[in-house]
Structures are given as C-alpha cells and as structure tokens.
C-alpha cells in the first residue's frame, strides 16, 4: 500500500471566534459512569474506562454553532472487540443535528474501524467507514472536525478523510441552525459493533481504557452571529493537496460508503451522492 504523500497543510487563522481552553475542568462535565471517568494532570488529560458494570461518558459545558475542533485520543488497546469509543457533536430533540466519530473495537492486531455519520434535522443514514492506517492505541492521534456553513471536514492528524457539503440548494438538509455540544462515551456494544455482533466482549481483558488530551477549539457560541472574519469559517473547499490526501484515504482505507450502497437505497441514492 502506498505511503501517505506529504503535502503542505494550510494553517487556519483565528480572529474573532472564541478560543476554548485546553483544560477539561473548564470545558467538560463527566455525565455518567461515576468514577470510571476521571480528569487528571490538573485538567490536561481525561480518562474513561469500561468494565462489566458500566461504561462512562462526558460532554462539553457549552453549545457551539460552527467550529474547528481538535481532540487527541488514545483508543482502547488490545482485544477491544465489542467496545465503541464515540466522539461526536449533537443537539437535542427529535429533529436533532449530529456529527459522529465512532471507533469500533476489534480483536487484537485487527484494524480499528472508524465509523462516521452526519445527521441533519433528525435524518442520518449517511455512514462512511474507514480502517485506520496507524495504531490508534499506541499513542495519541488528533481527530478533528471543521464545521462551517459550507461544509463539514473530518480529519485525522491533519489528513482529511471525509467532506460533507452543504447542498441545501438541492433540498438536502444541512446542520447549521442548532447549537451542538461535544459528547464522548465508552460503552458495551457487543450486540452489534464487531462483525455485526458476532464477536463479544472478553471481560477478562477489562478494564478497557480510552484517554483524551490537547483539546483545542475555535468556535462560535450560539449567541454569537459573527465568525465571518475567520479563515476556517469561510473555507468552502479543500485545497489541491488536501483533495489528494482525501482521495488517497478513500482509495486505500474506505470500507463502506452509503453513496455506493444501492441495497440500502433501492429507490435511488440520496441526492447529495450525485453532487
């Protein structure tokens, strides 16, 4: 398999948007799992665990409407089959918006599957899945979302892996009116996650641990209407180098694309798939 090409990445300039601090005490609340989730190192690191009794989760204290959000995560090591580490943005209600990273654990030495999805106005079914080209359990890697009025970009260590465009002009709903919080959870999903639920969690391998650090976000608060001076807010497309990176990932590591799944959409693929 080809080596990842080296491309010059364009840095995004922060101006009027709110810069969220990198301290978990300031920015997040542990929401479930009791002491299975802990903030460590004076707020610089967060650790979550899963045992046979419960998983754990946290959420951001604030809602955001658009942002460029980075989080470094080290995923569950070893035999993680049946576990899912979810990291996502979401609003509330039946017509909620949501932008998902889900990391499906697997047997030792098998690759993790990264599941992505986008919901707008309560409608999802926009899954794309990828194998990771690195060991996400050996060290921290940066998982990023750029969400602005024009597009959503999913990136790993600065490499774009998925772009979801705003196609409201052809009737496709796009998440742009509801503020969303950041959520993350580590939980037991062995009824569906690994090979459709065929592989169950081996509880003799517990505790299962996922760790977080270096949270960084340039965001618009839901009460603010002016982020228009920011480069990330106005970015409407990938540059040529980023486009080549995206194509490299899709060619070598994509394992599922809803836009190719004619069995799930027998009446025709979603409108955005033809754009």
C-alpha atoms as a PDB file:
ATOM      1  CA  UNK A   1       0.000   0.000   0.000  1.00  0.00           C
ATOM      2  CA  UNK A   2       1.277   3.455  -0.893  1.00  0.00           C
ATOM      3  CA  UNK A   3       2.862   5.613   1.735  1.00  0.00           C
ATOM      4  CA  UNK A   4       0.903   8.728   2.693  1.00  0.00           C
ATOM      5  CA  UNK A   5       2.118  11.589   0.466  1.00  0.00           C
ATOM      6  CA  UNK A   6       3.487  14.670   2.140  1.00  0.00           C
ATOM      7  CA  UNK A   7       1.545  17.825   1.405  1.00  0.00           C
ATOM      8  CA  UNK A   8       1.806  21.333   2.701  1.00  0.00           C
ATOM      9  CA  UNK A   9      -1.124  21.910   5.068  1.00  0.00           C
ATOM     10  CA  UNK A  10      -2.612  25.363   5.174  1.00  0.00           C
ATOM     11  CA  UNK A  11      -2.892  26.753   8.701  1.00  0.00           C
ATOM     12  CA  UNK A  12      -6.193  28.335   9.631  1.00  0.00           C
ATOM     13  CA  UNK A  13      -6.098  31.778  11.202  1.00  0.00           C
ATOM     14  CA  UNK A  14      -8.036  32.579  14.361  1.00  0.00           C
ATOM     15  CA  UNK A  15      -9.563  36.022  14.626  1.00  0.00           C
ATOM     16  CA  UNK A  16     -12.988  36.778  16.091  1.00  0.00           C
ATOM     17  CA  UNK A  17     -14.160  33.301  17.107  1.00  0.00           C
ATOM     18  CA  UNK A  18     -13.969  32.126  20.708  1.00  0.00           C
ATOM     19  CA  UNK A  19     -10.891  30.067  21.601  1.00  0.00           C
ATOM     20  CA  UNK A  20     -11.831  27.300  24.043  1.00  0.00           C
ATOM     21  CA  UNK A  21      -9.198  26.490  26.637  1.00  0.00           C
ATOM     22  CA  UNK A  22      -7.378  23.171  26.805  1.00  0.00           C
ATOM     23  CA  UNK A  23      -8.451  22.405  30.380  1.00  0.00           C
ATOM     24  CA  UNK A  24     -11.006  19.644  30.860  1.00  0.00           C
ATOM     25  CA  UNK A  25     -12.159  21.063  34.208  1.00  0.00           C
ATOM     26  CA  UNK A  26     -13.185  24.285  32.484  1.00  0.00           C
ATOM     27  CA  UNK A  27     -14.799  22.842  29.382  1.00  0.00           C
ATOM     28  CA  UNK A  28     -16.349  19.443  30.185  1.00  0.00           C
ATOM     29  CA  UNK A  29     -18.616  17.657  32.657  1.00  0.00           C
ATOM     30  CA  UNK A  30     -18.463  13.933  33.399  1.00  0.00           C
ATOM     31  CA  UNK A  31     -22.052  12.850  32.827  1.00  0.00           C
ATOM     32  CA  UNK A  32     -22.194   9.139  33.626  1.00  0.00           C
ATOM     33  CA  UNK A  33     -20.109   6.220  34.837  1.00  0.00           C
ATOM     34  CA  UNK A  34     -19.232   7.687  38.250  1.00  0.00           C
ATOM     35  CA  UNK A  35     -15.502   7.302  38.911  1.00  0.00           C
ATOM     36  CA  UNK A  36     -14.987   5.411  35.638  1.00  0.00           C
ATOM     37  CA  UNK A  37     -14.311   8.802  34.065  1.00  0.00           C
ATOM     38  CA  UNK A  38     -11.628  10.992  35.615  1.00  0.00           C
ATOM     39  CA  UNK A  39      -9.957  14.305  34.839  1.00  0.00           C
ATOM     40  CA  UNK A  40      -6.231  14.041  35.525  1.00  0.00           C
ATOM     41  CA  UNK A  41      -2.993  16.055  35.407  1.00  0.00           C
ATOM     42  CA  UNK A  42      -4.535  19.346  36.595  1.00  0.00           C
ATOM     43  CA  UNK A  43      -7.140  19.239  33.865  1.00  0.00           C
ATOM     44  CA  UNK A  44      -4.811  18.376  30.989  1.00  0.00           C
ATOM     45  CA  UNK A  45      -5.977  14.791  30.466  1.00  0.00           C
ATOM     46  CA  UNK A  46      -9.244  12.868  30.717  1.00  0.00           C
ATOM     47  CA  UNK A  47      -9.508   9.100  31.074  1.00  0.00           C
ATOM     48  CA  UNK A  48     -12.575   6.920  30.647  1.00  0.00           C
ATOM     49  CA  UNK A  49     -12.992   3.241  31.437  1.00  0.00           C
ATOM     50  CA  UNK A  50     -15.443   0.431  30.732  1.00  0.00           C
ATOM     51  CA  UNK A  51     -15.990  -2.564  32.967  1.00  0.00           C
ATOM     52  CA  UNK A  52     -18.692  -5.224  33.091  1.00  0.00           C
ATOM     53  CA  UNK A  53     -20.926  -2.975  35.199  1.00  0.00           C
ATOM     54  CA  UNK A  54     -20.810   0.252  33.207  1.00  0.00           C
ATOM     55  CA  UNK A  55     -19.068   2.473  30.715  1.00  0.00           C
ATOM     56  CA  UNK A  56     -18.620   6.223  31.072  1.00  0.00           C
ATOM     57  CA  UNK A  57     -19.097   9.498  29.255  1.00  0.00           C
ATOM     58  CA  UNK A  58     -18.640  13.268  29.259  1.00  0.00           C
ATOM     59  CA  UNK A  59     -19.991  16.342  27.482  1.00  0.00           C
ATOM     60  CA  UNK A  60     -18.951  19.925  26.917  1.00  0.00           C
ATOM     61  CA  UNK A  61     -20.336  22.558  29.257  1.00  0.00           C
ATOM     62  CA  UNK A  62     -21.293  24.788  26.327  1.00  0.00           C
ATOM     63  CA  UNK A  63     -23.022  24.503  22.979  1.00  0.00           C
ATOM     64  CA  UNK A  64     -21.353  25.719  19.812  1.00  0.00           C
ATOM     65  CA  UNK A  65     -22.655  26.776  16.408  1.00  0.00           C
ATOM     66  CA  UNK A  66     -19.795  26.061  13.974  1.00  0.00           C
ATOM     67  CA  UNK A  67     -16.187  25.495  14.913  1.00  0.00           C
ATOM     68  CA  UNK A  68     -12.797  23.972  14.223  1.00  0.00           C
ATOM     69  CA  UNK A  69     -12.383  21.371  16.959  1.00  0.00           C
ATOM     70  CA  UNK A  70      -9.366  19.159  17.697  1.00  0.00           C
ATOM     71  CA  UNK A  71      -9.072  16.365  20.264  1.00  0.00           C
ATOM     72  CA  UNK A  72      -6.197  13.948  20.800  1.00  0.00           C
ATOM     73  CA  UNK A  73      -7.445  10.456  21.677  1.00  0.00           C
ATOM     74  CA  UNK A  74      -5.723   7.177  22.533  1.00  0.00           C
ATOM     75  CA  UNK A  75      -8.161   4.332  21.910  1.00  0.00           C
ATOM     76  CA  UNK A  76      -8.700   1.100  23.843  1.00  0.00           C
ATOM     77  CA  UNK A  77      -5.717  -1.207  23.378  1.00  0.00           C
ATOM     78  CA  UNK A  78      -5.550  -4.978  22.964  1.00  0.00           C
ATOM     79  CA  UNK A  79      -8.663  -7.050  22.396  1.00  0.00           C
ATOM     80  CA  UNK A  80     -11.264  -4.275  22.279  1.00  0.00           C
ATOM     81  CA  UNK A  81     -13.905  -6.237  20.344  1.00  0.00           C
ATOM     82  CA  UNK A  82     -17.434  -5.245  21.329  1.00  0.00           C
ATOM     83  CA  UNK A  83     -16.477  -1.798  22.616  1.00  0.00           C
ATOM     84  CA  UNK A  84     -17.173   1.521  20.926  1.00  0.00           C
ATOM     85  CA  UNK A  85     -15.500   4.820  21.688  1.00  0.00           C
ATOM     86  CA  UNK A  86     -17.865   7.536  20.481  1.00  0.00           C
ATOM     87  CA  UNK A  87     -16.802  11.168  19.977  1.00  0.00           C
ATOM     88  CA  UNK A  88     -19.371  13.469  18.425  1.00  0.00           C
ATOM     89  CA  UNK A  89     -21.289  16.742  18.277  1.00  0.00           C
ATOM     90  CA  UNK A  90     -25.034  16.710  18.848  1.00  0.00           C
ATOM     91  CA  UNK A  91     -28.029  18.926  19.519  1.00  0.00           C
ATOM     92  CA  UNK A  92     -31.165  17.678  21.284  1.00  0.00           C
ATOM     93  CA  UNK A  93     -34.666  16.617  20.233  1.00  0.00           C
ATOM     94  CA  UNK A  94     -36.320  14.544  17.511  1.00  0.00           C
ATOM     95  CA  UNK A  95     -35.035  16.901  14.799  1.00  0.00           C
ATOM     96  CA  UNK A  96     -31.507  16.928  16.167  1.00  0.00           C
ATOM     97  CA  UNK A  97     -28.290  17.523  14.256  1.00  0.00           C
ATOM     98  CA  UNK A  98     -25.239  15.338  14.861  1.00  0.00           C
ATOM     99  CA  UNK A  99     -21.695  14.808  13.539  1.00  0.00           C
ATOM    100  CA  UNK A 100     -20.134  11.471  14.557  1.00  0.00           C
ATOM    101  CA  UNK A 101     -16.821   9.755  15.017  1.00  0.00           C
ATOM    102  CA  UNK A 102     -17.334   6.179  16.320  1.00  0.00           C
ATOM    103  CA  UNK A 103     -14.367   3.841  16.801  1.00  0.00           C
ATOM    104  CA  UNK A 104     -15.361   0.178  16.689  1.00  0.00           C
ATOM    105  CA  UNK A 105     -13.037  -2.034  18.685  1.00  0.00           C
ATOM    106  CA  UNK A 106     -11.732  -5.295  17.290  1.00  0.00           C
ATOM    107  CA  UNK A 107      -9.673  -8.368  18.091  1.00  0.00           C
ATOM    108  CA  UNK A 108      -6.003  -7.841  18.846  1.00  0.00           C
ATOM    109  CA  UNK A 109      -3.945  -6.985  15.750  1.00  0.00           C
ATOM    110  CA  UNK A 110      -7.068  -6.378  13.632  1.00  0.00           C
ATOM    111  CA  UNK A 111      -7.546  -2.766  12.492  1.00  0.00           C
ATOM    112  CA  UNK A 112      -9.987  -0.434  14.155  1.00  0.00           C
ATOM    113  CA  UNK A 113     -12.974   0.639  12.055  1.00  0.00           C
ATOM    114  CA  UNK A 114     -13.755   4.358  12.204  1.00  0.00           C
ATOM    115  CA  UNK A 115     -17.449   4.966  11.600  1.00  0.00           C
ATOM    116  CA  UNK A 116     -18.616   8.468  10.599  1.00  0.00           C
ATOM    117  CA  UNK A 117     -22.110   9.859  10.167  1.00  0.00           C
ATOM    118  CA  UNK A 118     -23.914  13.181   9.720  1.00  0.00           C
ATOM    119  CA  UNK A 119     -27.462  13.868  10.941  1.00  0.00           C
ATOM    120  CA  UNK A 120     -29.457  16.929   9.950  1.00  0.00           C
ATOM    121  CA  UNK A 121     -32.991  17.607  11.177  1.00  0.00           C
ATOM    122  CA  UNK A 122     -33.100  14.098  12.641  1.00  0.00           C
ATOM    123  CA  UNK A 123     -32.104  12.356   9.410  1.00  0.00           C
ATOM    124  CA  UNK A 124     -28.945  10.235   9.359  1.00  0.00           C
ATOM    125  CA  UNK A 125     -28.108   7.167   7.264  1.00  0.00           C
ATOM    126  CA  UNK A 126     -25.011   8.901   5.885  1.00  0.00           C
ATOM    127  CA  UNK A 127     -22.400   6.472   7.122  1.00  0.00           C
ATOM    128  CA  UNK A 128     -18.884   6.156   5.816  1.00  0.00           C
ATOM    129  CA  UNK A 129     -16.372   3.769   7.399  1.00  0.00           C
ATOM    130  CA  UNK A 130     -12.593   3.585   7.215  1.00  0.00           C
ATOM    131  CA  UNK A 131      -9.768   1.433   8.506  1.00  0.00           C
ATOM    132  CA  UNK A 132      -7.113   3.461  10.311  1.00  0.00           C
ATOM    133  CA  UNK A 133      -3.639   3.387   8.751  1.00  0.00           C
ATOM    134  CA  UNK A 134      -1.915   3.684  12.144  1.00  0.00           C
ATOM    135  CA  UNK A 135      -2.219   2.034  15.534  1.00  0.00           C
ATOM    136  CA  UNK A 136      -4.655   4.317  17.403  1.00  0.00           C
ATOM    137  CA  UNK A 137      -3.889   2.577  20.709  1.00  0.00           C
ATOM    138  CA  UNK A 138      -0.109   3.055  20.812  1.00  0.00           C
ATOM    139  CA  UNK A 139      -0.166   6.833  21.057  1.00  0.00           C
ATOM    140  CA  UNK A 140      -2.435   9.856  20.887  1.00  0.00           C
ATOM    141  CA  UNK A 141      -3.720  10.978  17.485  1.00  0.00           C
ATOM    142  CA  UNK A 142      -5.617  14.158  16.614  1.00  0.00           C
ATOM    143  CA  UNK A 143      -9.236  13.778  15.478  1.00  0.00           C
ATOM    144  CA  UNK A 144     -10.628  16.997  14.044  1.00  0.00           C
ATOM    145  CA  UNK A 145     -13.898  18.452  12.804  1.00  0.00           C
ATOM    146  CA  UNK A 146     -14.200  21.643  10.803  1.00  0.00           C
ATOM    147  CA  UNK A 147     -17.874  22.618  10.720  1.00  0.00           C
ATOM    148  CA  UNK A 148     -18.901  25.810   8.971  1.00  0.00           C
ATOM    149  CA  UNK A 149     -21.882  26.950   6.855  1.00  0.00           C
ATOM    150  CA  UNK A 150     -20.346  25.496   3.690  1.00  0.00           C
ATOM    151  CA  UNK A 151     -19.039  22.070   4.695  1.00  0.00           C
ATOM    152  CA  UNK A 152     -18.025  19.567   7.378  1.00  0.00           C
ATOM    153  CA  UNK A 153     -14.493  18.144   7.184  1.00  0.00           C
ATOM    154  CA  UNK A 154     -13.434  15.077   9.212  1.00  0.00           C
ATOM    155  CA  UNK A 155      -9.629  14.877   9.616  1.00  0.00           C
ATOM    156  CA  UNK A 156      -7.077  12.561  11.250  1.00  0.00           C
ATOM    157  CA  UNK A 157      -3.727  14.101  12.189  1.00  0.00           C
ATOM    158  CA  UNK A 158      -4.447  16.859   9.677  1.00  0.00           C
ATOM    159  CA  UNK A 159      -5.384  14.480   6.843  1.00  0.00           C
ATOM    160  CA  UNK A 160      -8.964  14.962   5.583  1.00  0.00           C
ATOM    161  CA  UNK A 161     -10.882  11.693   5.373  1.00  0.00           C
ATOM    162  CA  UNK A 162     -14.418  12.889   4.672  1.00  0.00           C
ATOM    163  CA  UNK A 163     -16.192  16.013   3.441  1.00  0.00           C
ATOM    164  CA  UNK A 164     -19.948  16.605   3.749  1.00  0.00           C
ATOM    165  CA  UNK A 165     -21.033  19.627   1.710  1.00  0.00           C
ATOM    166  CA  UNK A 166     -23.946  21.982   2.282  1.00  0.00           C
ATOM    167  CA  UNK A 167     -26.356  21.038  -0.524  1.00  0.00           C
ATOM    168  CA  UNK A 168     -29.411  22.891   0.726  1.00  0.00           C
ATOM    169  CA  UNK A 169     -29.796  24.380  -2.767  1.00  0.00           C
ATOM    170  CA  UNK A 170     -30.938  20.932  -3.972  1.00  0.00           C
ATOM    171  CA  UNK A 171     -33.090  20.155  -0.948  1.00  0.00           C
ATOM    172  CA  UNK A 172     -30.598  18.356   1.316  1.00  0.00           C
ATOM    173  CA  UNK A 173     -30.846  19.413   4.962  1.00  0.00           C
ATOM    174  CA  UNK A 174     -27.601  20.667   6.495  1.00  0.00           C
ATOM    175  CA  UNK A 175     -26.752  21.198  10.194  1.00  0.00           C
ATOM    176  CA  UNK A 176     -26.425  24.957  10.559  1.00  0.00           C
ATOM    177  CA  UNK A 177     -29.173  26.266  12.857  1.00  0.00           C
ATOM    178  CA  UNK A 178     -28.833  24.249  16.074  1.00  0.00           C
ATOM    179  CA  UNK A 179     -26.088  24.612  18.617  1.00  0.00           C
ATOM    180  CA  UNK A 180     -24.353  21.338  19.468  1.00  0.00           C
ATOM    181  CA  UNK A 181     -22.388  20.072  22.459  1.00  0.00           C
ATOM    182  CA  UNK A 182     -19.363  17.786  22.278  1.00  0.00           C
ATOM    183  CA  UNK A 183     -20.022  14.314  23.686  1.00  0.00           C
ATOM    184  CA  UNK A 184     -17.942  11.201  24.188  1.00  0.00           C
ATOM    185  CA  UNK A 185     -18.680   7.772  25.624  1.00  0.00           C
ATOM    186  CA  UNK A 186     -17.041   4.377  26.008  1.00  0.00           C
ATOM    187  CA  UNK A 187     -19.637   1.628  26.122  1.00  0.00           C
ATOM    188  CA  UNK A 188     -20.563  -2.006  25.561  1.00  0.00           C
ATOM    189  CA  UNK A 189     -21.926  -2.547  22.036  1.00  0.00           C
ATOM    190  CA  UNK A 190     -21.173  -6.222  21.542  1.00  0.00           C
ATOM    191  CA  UNK A 191     -24.733  -6.781  20.274  1.00  0.00           C
ATOM    192  CA  UNK A 192     -23.830  -5.026  17.001  1.00  0.00           C
ATOM    193  CA  UNK A 193     -20.373  -3.450  16.814  1.00  0.00           C
ATOM    194  CA  UNK A 194     -17.776  -6.092  15.927  1.00  0.00           C
ATOM    195  CA  UNK A 195     -18.739  -8.108  12.847  1.00  0.00           C
ATOM    196  CA  UNK A 196     -22.401  -7.308  13.417  1.00  0.00           C
ATOM    197  CA  UNK A 197     -22.332  -8.554  16.992  1.00  0.00           C
ATOM    198  CA  UNK A 198     -20.689 -11.915  16.267  1.00  0.00           C
ATOM    199  CA  UNK A 199     -17.669 -11.115  18.459  1.00  0.00           C
ATOM    200  CA  UNK A 200     -18.491 -10.457  22.109  1.00  0.00           C
ATOM    201  CA  UNK A 201     -16.525  -8.558  24.727  1.00  0.00           C
ATOM    202  CA  UNK A 202     -13.916 -10.627  26.534  1.00  0.00           C
ATOM    203  CA  UNK A 203     -14.400  -9.277  30.050  1.00  0.00           C
ATOM    204  CA  UNK A 204     -11.214 -10.958  31.219  1.00  0.00           C
ATOM    205  CA  UNK A 205      -9.425  -8.152  29.324  1.00  0.00           C
ATOM    206  CA  UNK A 206     -11.124  -5.359  31.318  1.00  0.00           C
ATOM    207  CA  UNK A 207     -10.530  -2.581  32.307  1.00  0.00           C
ATOM    208  CA  UNK A 208     -10.914  -1.015  28.866  1.00  0.00           C
ATOM    209  CA  UNK A 209      -9.389   2.475  28.808  1.00  0.00           C
ATOM    210  CA  UNK A 210      -9.598   5.435  26.407  1.00  0.00           C
ATOM    211  CA  UNK A 211      -7.674   8.670  27.061  1.00  0.00           C
ATOM    212  CA  UNK A 212      -8.015  12.265  25.857  1.00  0.00           C
ATOM    213  CA  UNK A 213      -5.728  15.286  25.825  1.00  0.00           C
ATOM    214  CA  UNK A 214      -4.877  18.532  23.984  1.00  0.00           C
ATOM    215  CA  UNK A 215      -8.447  19.657  23.361  1.00  0.00           C
ATOM    216  CA  UNK A 216      -8.466  22.796  21.232  1.00  0.00           C
ATOM    217  CA  UNK A 217     -11.419  24.570  19.666  1.00  0.00           C
ATOM    218  CA  UNK A 218     -12.071  27.740  17.704  1.00  0.00           C
ATOM    219  CA  UNK A 219     -15.838  28.051  17.966  1.00  0.00           C
ATOM    220  CA  UNK A 220     -18.804  30.348  17.567  1.00  0.00           C
ATOM    221  CA  UNK A 221     -21.115  30.365  20.556  1.00  0.00           C
ATOM    222  CA  UNK A 222     -24.830  30.034  19.840  1.00  0.00           C
ATOM    223  CA  UNK A 223     -25.307  33.635  20.987  1.00  0.00           C
ATOM    224  CA  UNK A 224     -22.698  34.975  18.572  1.00  0.00           C
ATOM    225  CA  UNK A 225     -23.514  35.752  14.946  1.00  0.00           C
ATOM    226  CA  UNK A 226     -20.114  36.999  13.786  1.00  0.00           C
ATOM    227  CA  UNK A 227     -17.402  34.497  12.970  1.00  0.00           C
ATOM    228  CA  UNK A 228     -17.193  35.745   9.403  1.00  0.00           C
ATOM    229  CA  UNK A 229     -13.653  37.119   9.751  1.00  0.00           C
ATOM    230  CA  UNK A 230     -12.184  33.649  10.393  1.00  0.00           C
ATOM    231  CA  UNK A 231     -10.470  31.649   7.670  1.00  0.00           C
ATOM    232  CA  UNK A 232     -11.908  28.330   8.889  1.00  0.00           C
ATOM    233  CA  UNK A 233     -15.436  29.768   8.895  1.00  0.00           C
ATOM    234  CA  UNK A 234     -15.152  30.813   5.253  1.00  0.00           C
ATOM    235  CA  UNK A 235     -13.390  27.712   3.907  1.00  0.00           C
ATOM    236  CA  UNK A 236     -15.621  26.353   1.147  1.00  0.00           C
ATOM    237  CA  UNK A 237     -13.414  23.611  -0.329  1.00  0.00           C
ATOM    238  CA  UNK A 238     -10.240  21.620   0.190  1.00  0.00           C
ATOM    239  CA  UNK A 239      -7.084  22.882  -1.477  1.00  0.00           C
ATOM    240  CA  UNK A 240      -5.424  20.666  -4.104  1.00  0.00           C
ATOM    241  CA  UNK A 241      -3.081  18.990  -1.615  1.00  0.00           C
ATOM    242  CA  UNK A 242      -5.889  18.214   0.816  1.00  0.00           C
ATOM    243  CA  UNK A 243      -8.003  16.864  -2.054  1.00  0.00           C
ATOM    244  CA  UNK A 244      -5.210  14.450  -2.981  1.00  0.00           C
ATOM    245  CA  UNK A 245      -4.964  13.316   0.636  1.00  0.00           C
ATOM    246  CA  UNK A 246      -8.722  12.721   0.733  1.00  0.00           C
ATOM    247  CA  UNK A 247      -8.580  10.651  -2.445  1.00  0.00           C
ATOM    248  CA  UNK A 248      -5.659   8.627  -1.064  1.00  0.00           C
ATOM    249  CA  UNK A 249      -7.628   7.748   2.067  1.00  0.00           C
ATOM    250  CA  UNK A 250     -10.764   6.850   0.110  1.00  0.00           C
ATOM    251  CA  UNK A 251      -8.817   4.639  -2.299  1.00  0.00           C
ATOM    252  CA  UNK A 252      -6.844   2.743   0.329  1.00  0.00           C
ATOM    253  CA  UNK A 253      -8.856   2.732   3.561  1.00  0.00           C
ATOM    254  CA  UNK A 254     -12.569   3.321   2.926  1.00  0.00           C
ATOM    255  CA  UNK A 255     -14.556   0.159   3.674  1.00  0.00           C
ATOM    256  CA  UNK A 256     -18.138   1.460   3.402  1.00  0.00           C
ATOM    257  CA  UNK A 257     -19.805   4.406   1.672  1.00  0.00           C
ATOM    258  CA  UNK A 258     -23.554   4.942   1.838  1.00  0.00           C
ATOM    259  CA  UNK A 259     -23.342   6.592  -1.581  1.00  0.00           C
ATOM    260  CA  UNK A 260     -22.421   3.195  -3.070  1.00  0.00           C
ATOM    261  CA  UNK A 261     -24.979   1.153  -1.119  1.00  0.00           C
ATOM    262  CA  UNK A 262     -27.789   0.587  -3.607  1.00  0.00           C
ATOM    263  CA  UNK A 263     -29.242  -2.226  -1.446  1.00  0.00           C
ATOM    264  CA  UNK A 264     -29.978   0.220   1.377  1.00  0.00           C
ATOM    265  CA  UNK A 265     -31.409   2.771  -1.059  1.00  0.00           C
ATOM    266  CA  UNK A 266     -33.383   0.688  -3.613  1.00  0.00           C
ATOM    267  CA  UNK A 267     -35.368   3.730  -4.773  1.00  0.00           C
ATOM    268  CA  UNK A 268     -32.218   5.676  -5.574  1.00  0.00           C
ATOM    269  CA  UNK A 269     -29.167   7.008  -3.776  1.00  0.00           C
ATOM    270  CA  UNK A 270     -29.524  10.192  -1.669  1.00  0.00           C
ATOM    271  CA  UNK A 271     -29.423  13.454  -3.616  1.00  0.00           C
ATOM    272  CA  UNK A 272     -26.045  14.550  -2.234  1.00  0.00           C
ATOM    273  CA  UNK A 273     -24.411  11.375  -3.606  1.00  0.00           C
ATOM    274  CA  UNK A 274     -24.762  12.676  -7.165  1.00  0.00           C
ATOM    275  CA  UNK A 275     -23.290  16.103  -6.405  1.00  0.00           C
END
